[in-house]
């Protein structure tokens, strides 16, 4: 089994090394590269996912379609396609940057996320067939219903997804 490597970065986003994924997320998580993708069905509904209960970071929380980390020398588009296929059995189309400079830090149950995390919008192709070690549930929601649920079920949603959704909306991207 290949160990997934996470790209560590400085404050400017320049790669400064890599580390095996199991060693990255803890109470003193180093700054690293990530991505978030919001993928829509052809009818315009957003695919949201609930993280599996056994995930190390933010288990059981609802979030955007797919999140992850590009590997060394892997561009975000390739990484998003890799994770969408692995987690959900889906293809990715029409990917475009939405919040290219997004950065955040969040903590839950002693585990810290500390990421430079460009955000993308796109479409998914295929029918979701989630890997249960990654995704506990999924739903298709129109944007208004998605935002309503975030505002009324705040703690059930990942903090990055809540913030990104507000920024995407404020920028007029949906």
N, C-alpha and C. Protein backbone atom coordinates (compact mmCIF):
# COMPACT_ATOMS: atom_id res chain seq x y z
N UNK A 1 0.84 -1.18 0.00
CA UNK A 1 0.00 0.00 0.00
C UNK A 1 0.88 1.24 0.00
N UNK A 2 0.59 2.18 -0.88
CA UNK A 2 1.36 3.41 -0.99
C UNK A 2 0.90 4.40 0.07
N UNK A 3 1.84 5.04 0.73
CA UNK A 3 1.53 6.06 1.72
C UNK A 3 1.29 7.38 1.00
N UNK A 4 0.15 8.01 1.28
CA UNK A 4 -0.15 9.31 0.69
C UNK A 4 0.72 10.37 1.33
N UNK A 5 1.38 11.17 0.50
CA UNK A 5 2.22 12.26 1.00
C UNK A 5 1.47 13.58 0.90
N UNK A 6 1.59 14.37 1.95
CA UNK A 6 0.98 15.70 2.02
C UNK A 6 2.09 16.72 1.79
N UNK A 7 1.80 17.74 0.98
CA UNK A 7 2.79 18.77 0.66
C UNK A 7 2.74 19.87 1.73
N UNK A 8 3.85 20.03 2.44
CA UNK A 8 3.98 21.09 3.43
C UNK A 8 4.38 22.37 2.71
N UNK A 9 3.85 23.51 3.17
CA UNK A 9 4.11 24.79 2.51
C UNK A 9 4.47 25.86 3.53
N UNK A 10 5.11 26.93 3.03
CA UNK A 10 5.34 28.10 3.87
C UNK A 10 4.14 29.04 3.76
N UNK A 11 4.20 30.18 4.42
CA UNK A 11 3.07 31.11 4.42
C UNK A 11 2.72 31.65 3.04
N UNK A 12 3.64 31.58 2.09
CA UNK A 12 3.38 32.03 0.73
C UNK A 12 2.84 30.91 -0.16
N UNK A 13 2.71 29.71 0.38
CA UNK A 13 2.22 28.57 -0.38
C UNK A 13 3.29 27.81 -1.15
N UNK A 14 4.55 28.15 -0.90
CA UNK A 14 5.66 27.48 -1.57
C UNK A 14 5.94 26.14 -0.87
N UNK A 15 6.04 25.08 -1.65
CA UNK A 15 6.32 23.76 -1.08
C UNK A 15 7.68 23.76 -0.38
N UNK A 16 7.69 23.21 0.82
CA UNK A 16 8.93 23.13 1.60
C UNK A 16 9.26 21.70 2.01
N UNK A 17 8.45 20.75 1.57
CA UNK A 17 8.68 19.35 1.90
C UNK A 17 7.39 18.58 1.85
N UNK A 18 7.45 17.34 2.30
CA UNK A 18 6.25 16.51 2.36
C UNK A 18 6.32 15.62 3.59
N UNK A 19 5.16 15.06 3.93
CA UNK A 19 5.06 14.22 5.12
C UNK A 19 3.96 13.19 4.88
N UNK A 20 4.12 11.96 5.39
CA UNK A 20 3.04 10.98 5.24
C UNK A 20 1.76 11.47 5.91
N UNK A 21 0.64 11.29 5.23
CA UNK A 21 -0.65 11.80 5.71
C UNK A 21 -0.96 11.42 7.16
N UNK A 22 -0.70 10.18 7.59
CA UNK A 22 -1.04 9.84 8.97
C UNK A 22 -0.29 10.66 10.03
N UNK A 23 0.80 11.31 9.62
CA UNK A 23 1.59 12.09 10.57
C UNK A 23 1.27 13.58 10.56
N UNK A 24 0.42 14.02 9.64
CA UNK A 24 0.19 15.46 9.44
C UNK A 24 -0.84 16.04 10.41
N UNK A 25 -2.00 15.41 10.55
CA UNK A 25 -3.11 16.00 11.30
C UNK A 25 -3.06 15.59 12.77
N UNK A 26 -2.82 16.59 13.61
CA UNK A 26 -2.77 16.40 15.06
C UNK A 26 -2.97 17.76 15.70
N UNK A 27 -2.57 17.95 16.92
CA UNK A 27 -2.77 19.22 17.62
C UNK A 27 -1.90 20.36 17.12
N UNK A 28 -0.81 20.03 16.45
CA UNK A 28 0.12 21.05 15.91
C UNK A 28 0.33 20.83 14.42
N UNK A 29 -0.74 20.69 13.68
CA UNK A 29 -0.68 20.39 12.25
C UNK A 29 0.10 21.46 11.49
N UNK A 30 1.12 21.05 10.72
CA UNK A 30 1.86 22.03 9.93
C UNK A 30 1.01 22.54 8.76
N UNK A 31 1.31 23.74 8.30
CA UNK A 31 0.62 24.31 7.15
C UNK A 31 0.89 23.44 5.93
N UNK A 32 -0.17 23.10 5.21
CA UNK A 32 -0.03 22.22 4.05
C UNK A 32 -1.07 22.55 2.98
N UNK A 33 -0.87 21.96 1.78
CA UNK A 33 -1.75 22.18 0.64
C UNK A 33 -2.96 21.26 0.73
N UNK A 34 -4.06 21.79 0.28
CA UNK A 34 -5.30 21.01 0.22
C UNK A 34 -6.14 21.57 -0.93
N UNK A 35 -7.34 21.06 -1.08
CA UNK A 35 -8.32 21.59 -2.03
C UNK A 35 -9.70 21.27 -1.50
N UNK A 36 -10.69 22.05 -1.92
CA UNK A 36 -12.10 21.76 -1.71
C UNK A 36 -12.79 21.90 -3.05
N UNK A 37 -13.68 20.97 -3.36
CA UNK A 37 -14.42 21.05 -4.61
C UNK A 37 -15.92 20.92 -4.34
N UNK A 38 -16.67 21.77 -5.02
CA UNK A 38 -18.12 21.77 -4.98
C UNK A 38 -18.57 21.32 -6.36
N UNK A 39 -19.09 20.09 -6.44
CA UNK A 39 -19.45 19.51 -7.72
C UNK A 39 -20.97 19.40 -7.83
N UNK A 40 -21.48 19.82 -8.98
CA UNK A 40 -22.91 19.91 -9.21
C UNK A 40 -23.36 18.87 -10.24
N UNK A 41 -24.60 18.42 -10.08
CA UNK A 41 -25.24 17.54 -11.07
C UNK A 41 -25.62 18.38 -12.28
N UNK A 42 -25.94 17.72 -13.37
CA UNK A 42 -26.35 18.44 -14.59
C UNK A 42 -27.58 19.31 -14.35
N UNK A 43 -28.43 18.95 -13.37
CA UNK A 43 -29.63 19.75 -13.09
C UNK A 43 -29.35 20.92 -12.15
N UNK A 44 -28.08 21.13 -11.78
CA UNK A 44 -27.70 22.27 -10.96
C UNK A 44 -27.66 22.03 -9.46
N UNK A 45 -28.04 20.84 -9.01
CA UNK A 45 -27.99 20.55 -7.58
C UNK A 45 -26.56 20.19 -7.16
N UNK A 46 -26.21 20.61 -5.95
CA UNK A 46 -24.89 20.38 -5.37
C UNK A 46 -24.86 19.03 -4.67
N UNK A 47 -23.79 18.27 -4.90
CA UNK A 47 -23.58 17.01 -4.20
C UNK A 47 -22.83 17.31 -2.90
N UNK A 48 -23.49 17.08 -1.76
CA UNK A 48 -22.85 17.24 -0.46
C UNK A 48 -22.65 15.86 0.15
N UNK A 49 -21.64 15.76 1.01
CA UNK A 49 -21.31 14.48 1.61
C UNK A 49 -21.18 14.62 3.13
N UNK A 50 -21.44 13.52 3.81
CA UNK A 50 -21.17 13.46 5.25
C UNK A 50 -19.96 12.57 5.44
N UNK A 51 -18.94 13.12 6.09
CA UNK A 51 -17.69 12.39 6.28
C UNK A 51 -17.93 11.14 7.12
N UNK A 52 -17.25 10.06 6.79
CA UNK A 52 -17.39 8.81 7.53
C UNK A 52 -17.06 9.03 9.01
N UNK A 53 -17.71 8.29 9.87
CA UNK A 53 -17.51 8.42 11.32
C UNK A 53 -16.10 8.05 11.76
N UNK A 54 -15.40 7.25 10.97
CA UNK A 54 -14.06 6.80 11.36
C UNK A 54 -12.94 7.69 10.83
N UNK A 55 -13.26 8.76 10.13
CA UNK A 55 -12.21 9.64 9.61
C UNK A 55 -11.51 10.34 10.76
N UNK A 56 -10.20 10.56 10.59
CA UNK A 56 -9.40 11.20 11.63
C UNK A 56 -9.80 12.65 11.84
N UNK A 57 -10.11 13.35 10.76
CA UNK A 57 -10.42 14.78 10.85
C UNK A 57 -11.90 15.03 10.59
N UNK A 58 -12.54 15.69 11.51
CA UNK A 58 -13.92 16.12 11.40
C UNK A 58 -14.87 14.98 11.01
N UNK A 59 -14.82 13.86 11.76
CA UNK A 59 -15.68 12.71 11.43
C UNK A 59 -17.16 13.04 11.57
N UNK A 60 -17.96 12.48 10.67
CA UNK A 60 -19.41 12.59 10.74
C UNK A 60 -19.99 13.93 10.34
N UNK A 61 -19.16 14.89 9.95
CA UNK A 61 -19.68 16.21 9.57
C UNK A 61 -20.06 16.25 8.10
N UNK A 62 -21.13 16.99 7.81
CA UNK A 62 -21.51 17.26 6.44
C UNK A 62 -20.52 18.27 5.86
N UNK A 63 -20.25 18.16 4.57
CA UNK A 63 -19.31 19.06 3.92
C UNK A 63 -19.59 19.13 2.43
N UNK A 64 -18.72 19.82 1.72
CA UNK A 64 -18.84 19.93 0.26
C UNK A 64 -18.57 18.56 -0.37
N UNK A 65 -18.59 18.51 -1.68
CA UNK A 65 -18.53 17.23 -2.39
C UNK A 65 -17.28 16.44 -2.05
N UNK A 66 -16.13 17.07 -2.21
CA UNK A 66 -14.88 16.35 -1.98
C UNK A 66 -13.80 17.33 -1.53
N UNK A 67 -13.00 16.88 -0.59
CA UNK A 67 -11.85 17.64 -0.09
C UNK A 67 -10.65 16.68 -0.11
N UNK A 68 -9.47 17.23 -0.12
CA UNK A 68 -8.30 16.37 -0.07
C UNK A 68 -7.03 17.16 -0.21
N UNK A 69 -5.98 16.44 -0.55
CA UNK A 69 -4.64 17.01 -0.63
C UNK A 69 -3.98 16.59 -1.94
N UNK A 70 -3.47 17.56 -2.70
CA UNK A 70 -2.68 17.16 -3.88
C UNK A 70 -1.35 16.59 -3.40
N UNK A 71 -0.86 15.60 -4.09
CA UNK A 71 0.44 15.03 -3.75
C UNK A 71 1.57 15.87 -4.33
N UNK A 72 2.80 15.51 -4.01
CA UNK A 72 3.94 16.23 -4.60
C UNK A 72 3.85 16.21 -6.13
N UNK A 73 4.02 17.34 -6.75
CA UNK A 73 3.99 17.49 -8.21
C UNK A 73 2.65 17.12 -8.85
N UNK A 74 1.56 17.13 -8.07
CA UNK A 74 0.22 16.85 -8.60
C UNK A 74 -0.58 18.15 -8.61
N UNK A 75 -1.17 18.49 -9.76
CA UNK A 75 -1.98 19.71 -9.80
C UNK A 75 -3.34 19.44 -9.15
N UNK A 76 -4.01 20.53 -8.78
CA UNK A 76 -5.28 20.40 -8.07
C UNK A 76 -6.34 19.65 -8.87
N UNK A 77 -6.44 19.92 -10.17
CA UNK A 77 -7.45 19.25 -10.99
C UNK A 77 -7.28 17.74 -10.99
N UNK A 78 -6.05 17.30 -11.11
CA UNK A 78 -5.77 15.86 -11.08
C UNK A 78 -6.10 15.28 -9.71
N UNK A 79 -5.75 16.00 -8.65
CA UNK A 79 -6.02 15.53 -7.29
C UNK A 79 -7.52 15.46 -7.02
N UNK A 80 -8.26 16.46 -7.49
CA UNK A 80 -9.71 16.46 -7.31
C UNK A 80 -10.33 15.26 -8.03
N UNK A 81 -9.91 15.02 -9.26
CA UNK A 81 -10.43 13.87 -10.01
C UNK A 81 -10.09 12.56 -9.31
N UNK A 82 -8.88 12.46 -8.79
CA UNK A 82 -8.44 11.24 -8.07
C UNK A 82 -9.32 10.99 -6.85
N UNK A 83 -9.54 12.04 -6.05
CA UNK A 83 -10.32 11.88 -4.82
C UNK A 83 -11.81 11.66 -5.13
N UNK A 84 -12.35 12.34 -6.13
CA UNK A 84 -13.76 12.14 -6.48
C UNK A 84 -14.00 10.69 -6.92
N UNK A 85 -13.06 10.14 -7.67
CA UNK A 85 -13.16 8.74 -8.09
C UNK A 85 -13.02 7.81 -6.89
N UNK A 86 -12.02 8.04 -6.05
CA UNK A 86 -11.76 7.17 -4.90
C UNK A 86 -12.90 7.22 -3.88
N UNK A 87 -13.33 8.43 -3.52
CA UNK A 87 -14.33 8.57 -2.46
C UNK A 87 -15.75 8.28 -2.93
N UNK A 88 -16.06 8.64 -4.19
CA UNK A 88 -17.45 8.61 -4.65
C UNK A 88 -17.68 7.85 -5.95
N UNK A 89 -16.62 7.36 -6.59
CA UNK A 89 -16.78 6.66 -7.85
C UNK A 89 -17.24 7.57 -8.98
N UNK A 90 -16.88 8.86 -8.91
CA UNK A 90 -17.37 9.84 -9.88
C UNK A 90 -16.25 10.42 -10.73
N UNK A 91 -16.64 10.89 -11.91
CA UNK A 91 -15.76 11.70 -12.74
C UNK A 91 -16.00 13.17 -12.45
N UNK A 92 -15.12 14.02 -12.96
CA UNK A 92 -15.19 15.47 -12.75
C UNK A 92 -15.11 16.16 -14.10
N UNK A 93 -15.93 17.19 -14.29
CA UNK A 93 -15.94 17.95 -15.54
C UNK A 93 -16.08 19.44 -15.22
N UNK A 94 -15.66 20.25 -16.17
CA UNK A 94 -15.85 21.71 -16.11
C UNK A 94 -15.34 22.34 -14.82
N UNK A 95 -14.21 21.88 -14.33
CA UNK A 95 -13.65 22.39 -13.08
C UNK A 95 -13.08 23.79 -13.29
N UNK A 96 -13.40 24.70 -12.36
CA UNK A 96 -12.88 26.06 -12.45
C UNK A 96 -12.59 26.59 -11.05
N UNK A 97 -11.58 27.44 -10.92
CA UNK A 97 -11.26 27.99 -9.60
C UNK A 97 -12.35 28.96 -9.15
N UNK A 98 -12.66 28.91 -7.85
CA UNK A 98 -13.64 29.83 -7.27
C UNK A 98 -12.98 30.73 -6.23
N UNK A 99 -12.24 30.14 -5.32
CA UNK A 99 -11.55 30.88 -4.26
C UNK A 99 -10.09 30.41 -4.24
N UNK A 100 -9.27 30.89 -5.18
CA UNK A 100 -7.91 30.35 -5.32
C UNK A 100 -7.00 30.63 -4.13
N UNK A 101 -7.27 31.66 -3.35
CA UNK A 101 -6.39 32.00 -2.24
C UNK A 101 -6.93 31.62 -0.88
N UNK A 102 -7.93 30.74 -0.83
CA UNK A 102 -8.55 30.39 0.45
C UNK A 102 -7.55 29.69 1.38
N UNK A 103 -7.58 30.12 2.64
CA UNK A 103 -6.71 29.53 3.68
C UNK A 103 -7.51 29.50 4.97
N UNK A 104 -7.35 28.44 5.75
CA UNK A 104 -8.07 28.37 7.02
C UNK A 104 -7.34 27.49 8.02
N UNK A 105 -7.77 27.65 9.27
CA UNK A 105 -7.31 26.81 10.38
C UNK A 105 -8.55 26.50 11.20
N UNK A 106 -8.76 25.23 11.52
CA UNK A 106 -9.91 24.81 12.31
C UNK A 106 -9.50 23.64 13.20
N UNK A 107 -10.17 23.52 14.33
CA UNK A 107 -9.85 22.44 15.27
C UNK A 107 -11.13 21.73 15.69
N UNK A 108 -11.05 20.42 15.81
CA UNK A 108 -12.18 19.60 16.27
C UNK A 108 -11.63 18.38 16.99
N UNK A 109 -12.03 18.22 18.24
CA UNK A 109 -11.60 17.08 19.05
C UNK A 109 -10.08 16.93 19.09
N UNK A 110 -9.36 18.05 19.20
CA UNK A 110 -7.91 18.02 19.33
C UNK A 110 -7.14 17.87 18.04
N UNK A 111 -7.84 17.73 16.91
CA UNK A 111 -7.17 17.61 15.61
C UNK A 111 -7.34 18.94 14.86
N UNK A 112 -6.23 19.46 14.36
CA UNK A 112 -6.22 20.75 13.69
C UNK A 112 -6.08 20.58 12.19
N UNK A 113 -6.87 21.35 11.44
CA UNK A 113 -6.64 21.52 10.00
C UNK A 113 -5.97 22.87 9.84
N UNK A 114 -4.92 22.93 9.05
CA UNK A 114 -4.15 24.15 8.84
C UNK A 114 -3.72 24.13 7.38
N UNK A 115 -4.55 24.75 6.51
CA UNK A 115 -4.37 24.52 5.09
C UNK A 115 -4.46 25.78 4.23
N UNK A 116 -3.66 25.79 3.19
CA UNK A 116 -3.88 26.65 2.04
C UNK A 116 -4.68 25.77 1.09
N UNK A 117 -5.93 26.18 0.84
CA UNK A 117 -6.93 25.27 0.28
C UNK A 117 -7.74 25.93 -0.83
N UNK A 118 -7.21 26.01 -2.06
CA UNK A 118 -8.00 26.57 -3.15
C UNK A 118 -9.34 25.83 -3.29
N UNK A 119 -10.37 26.59 -3.63
CA UNK A 119 -11.72 26.05 -3.76
C UNK A 119 -12.12 26.07 -5.23
N UNK A 120 -12.75 24.99 -5.67
CA UNK A 120 -13.15 24.82 -7.07
C UNK A 120 -14.63 24.52 -7.18
N UNK A 121 -15.20 24.91 -8.32
CA UNK A 121 -16.56 24.55 -8.70
C UNK A 121 -16.48 23.73 -9.97
N UNK A 122 -17.41 22.78 -10.12
CA UNK A 122 -17.44 21.97 -11.33
C UNK A 122 -18.67 21.09 -11.35
N UNK A 123 -18.64 20.12 -12.24
CA UNK A 123 -19.72 19.14 -12.35
C UNK A 123 -19.15 17.76 -12.06
N UNK A 124 -20.04 16.87 -11.61
CA UNK A 124 -19.63 15.47 -11.50
C UNK A 124 -20.32 14.67 -12.59
N UNK A 125 -19.69 13.59 -12.98
CA UNK A 125 -20.28 12.66 -13.94
C UNK A 125 -20.38 11.30 -13.29
N UNK A 126 -21.42 10.58 -13.62
CA UNK A 126 -21.64 9.26 -13.04
C UNK A 126 -22.66 9.32 -11.91
N UNK A 127 -22.79 8.21 -11.22
CA UNK A 127 -23.71 8.08 -10.09
C UNK A 127 -22.89 7.81 -8.84
N UNK A 128 -23.12 8.57 -7.75
CA UNK A 128 -22.33 8.36 -6.54
C UNK A 128 -22.39 6.92 -6.04
N UNK A 129 -21.21 6.36 -5.79
CA UNK A 129 -21.05 5.04 -5.19
C UNK A 129 -19.97 5.18 -4.13
N UNK A 130 -20.33 5.74 -2.96
CA UNK A 130 -19.32 6.12 -1.98
C UNK A 130 -18.56 4.95 -1.35
N UNK A 131 -17.29 5.23 -1.07
CA UNK A 131 -16.46 4.34 -0.27
C UNK A 131 -16.86 4.61 1.19
N UNK A 132 -17.39 3.62 1.91
CA UNK A 132 -17.89 3.87 3.27
C UNK A 132 -16.82 4.28 4.27
N UNK A 133 -15.55 4.08 3.95
CA UNK A 133 -14.49 4.55 4.85
C UNK A 133 -14.25 6.04 4.69
N UNK A 134 -14.80 6.63 3.65
CA UNK A 134 -14.64 8.06 3.37
C UNK A 134 -15.93 8.85 3.55
N UNK A 135 -17.04 8.29 3.03
CA UNK A 135 -18.31 9.01 2.97
C UNK A 135 -19.41 8.19 3.64
N UNK A 136 -20.06 8.78 4.65
CA UNK A 136 -21.14 8.11 5.35
C UNK A 136 -22.48 8.25 4.66
N UNK A 137 -22.74 9.42 4.07
CA UNK A 137 -23.99 9.70 3.36
C UNK A 137 -23.71 10.75 2.30
N UNK A 138 -24.66 10.89 1.39
CA UNK A 138 -24.60 11.97 0.40
C UNK A 138 -26.00 12.40 0.05
N UNK A 139 -26.11 13.66 -0.41
CA UNK A 139 -27.39 14.21 -0.85
C UNK A 139 -27.14 15.19 -1.99
N UNK A 140 -28.15 15.37 -2.81
CA UNK A 140 -28.16 16.43 -3.83
C UNK A 140 -29.10 17.53 -3.36
N UNK A 141 -28.57 18.75 -3.27
CA UNK A 141 -29.36 19.88 -2.77
C UNK A 141 -29.23 21.07 -3.70
N UNK A 142 -30.33 21.80 -3.90
CA UNK A 142 -30.16 23.07 -4.60
C UNK A 142 -29.42 24.01 -3.64
N UNK A 143 -28.80 25.05 -4.20
CA UNK A 143 -27.93 25.92 -3.40
C UNK A 143 -28.67 26.53 -2.21
N UNK A 144 -29.90 26.98 -2.42
CA UNK A 144 -30.66 27.60 -1.33
C UNK A 144 -30.91 26.62 -0.19
N UNK A 145 -31.26 25.39 -0.50
CA UNK A 145 -31.49 24.38 0.54
C UNK A 145 -30.18 24.05 1.26
N UNK A 146 -29.09 23.96 0.52
CA UNK A 146 -27.76 23.72 1.10
C UNK A 146 -27.43 24.81 2.11
N UNK A 147 -27.58 26.07 1.71
CA UNK A 147 -27.25 27.19 2.61
C UNK A 147 -28.20 27.24 3.81
N UNK A 148 -29.47 26.95 3.59
CA UNK A 148 -30.43 26.92 4.70
C UNK A 148 -30.02 25.88 5.73
N UNK A 149 -29.65 24.70 5.25
CA UNK A 149 -29.23 23.65 6.18
C UNK A 149 -27.96 24.05 6.93
N UNK A 150 -27.03 24.68 6.25
CA UNK A 150 -25.82 25.13 6.93
C UNK A 150 -26.13 26.11 8.04
N UNK A 151 -27.03 27.01 7.77
CA UNK A 151 -27.35 28.05 8.76
C UNK A 151 -28.17 27.51 9.93
N UNK A 152 -28.97 26.48 9.70
CA UNK A 152 -29.80 25.93 10.78
C UNK A 152 -29.16 24.75 11.50
N UNK A 153 -28.22 24.07 10.83
CA UNK A 153 -27.54 22.90 11.42
C UNK A 153 -26.04 23.18 11.50
N UNK A 154 -25.66 24.37 11.89
CA UNK A 154 -24.27 24.83 11.81
C UNK A 154 -23.22 23.84 12.25
N UNK A 155 -23.34 23.28 13.45
CA UNK A 155 -22.29 22.40 13.97
C UNK A 155 -22.23 21.05 13.26
N UNK A 156 -23.24 20.73 12.48
CA UNK A 156 -23.24 19.47 11.74
C UNK A 156 -22.40 19.58 10.47
N UNK A 157 -21.98 20.83 10.11
CA UNK A 157 -21.26 21.09 8.87
C UNK A 157 -19.82 21.47 9.16
N UNK A 158 -18.90 21.04 8.31
CA UNK A 158 -17.49 21.38 8.50
C UNK A 158 -17.32 22.89 8.48
N UNK A 159 -16.42 23.41 9.32
CA UNK A 159 -16.25 24.87 9.37
C UNK A 159 -15.75 25.45 8.05
N UNK A 160 -14.91 24.71 7.32
CA UNK A 160 -14.43 25.24 6.04
C UNK A 160 -15.56 25.33 5.04
N UNK A 161 -16.46 24.37 5.03
CA UNK A 161 -17.58 24.38 4.08
C UNK A 161 -18.51 25.56 4.36
N UNK A 162 -18.81 25.81 5.62
CA UNK A 162 -19.67 26.95 5.96
C UNK A 162 -19.04 28.26 5.49
N UNK A 163 -17.75 28.44 5.77
CA UNK A 163 -17.09 29.68 5.37
C UNK A 163 -16.94 29.80 3.86
N UNK A 164 -16.54 28.72 3.21
CA UNK A 164 -16.39 28.74 1.75
C UNK A 164 -17.71 29.05 1.07
N UNK A 165 -18.80 28.45 1.53
CA UNK A 165 -20.10 28.68 0.90
C UNK A 165 -20.49 30.15 0.98
N UNK A 166 -20.25 30.77 2.12
CA UNK A 166 -20.55 32.21 2.25
C UNK A 166 -19.71 33.02 1.27
N UNK A 167 -18.42 32.67 1.15
CA UNK A 167 -17.53 33.41 0.25
C UNK A 167 -17.89 33.19 -1.22
N UNK A 168 -18.25 31.96 -1.58
CA UNK A 168 -18.67 31.67 -2.95
C UNK A 168 -19.92 32.47 -3.29
N UNK A 169 -20.86 32.49 -2.38
CA UNK A 169 -22.10 33.24 -2.59
C UNK A 169 -21.82 34.75 -2.68
N UNK A 170 -21.01 35.27 -1.77
CA UNK A 170 -20.68 36.70 -1.76
C UNK A 170 -19.99 37.14 -3.04
N UNK A 171 -19.20 36.22 -3.63
CA UNK A 171 -18.49 36.53 -4.88
C UNK A 171 -19.40 36.40 -6.11
N UNK A 172 -20.64 35.97 -5.91
CA UNK A 172 -21.58 35.84 -7.02
C UNK A 172 -21.27 34.67 -7.94
N UNK A 173 -20.65 33.62 -7.40
CA UNK A 173 -20.23 32.50 -8.24
C UNK A 173 -21.30 31.41 -8.38
N UNK A 174 -22.39 31.53 -7.62
CA UNK A 174 -23.50 30.58 -7.74
C UNK A 174 -24.80 31.34 -7.86
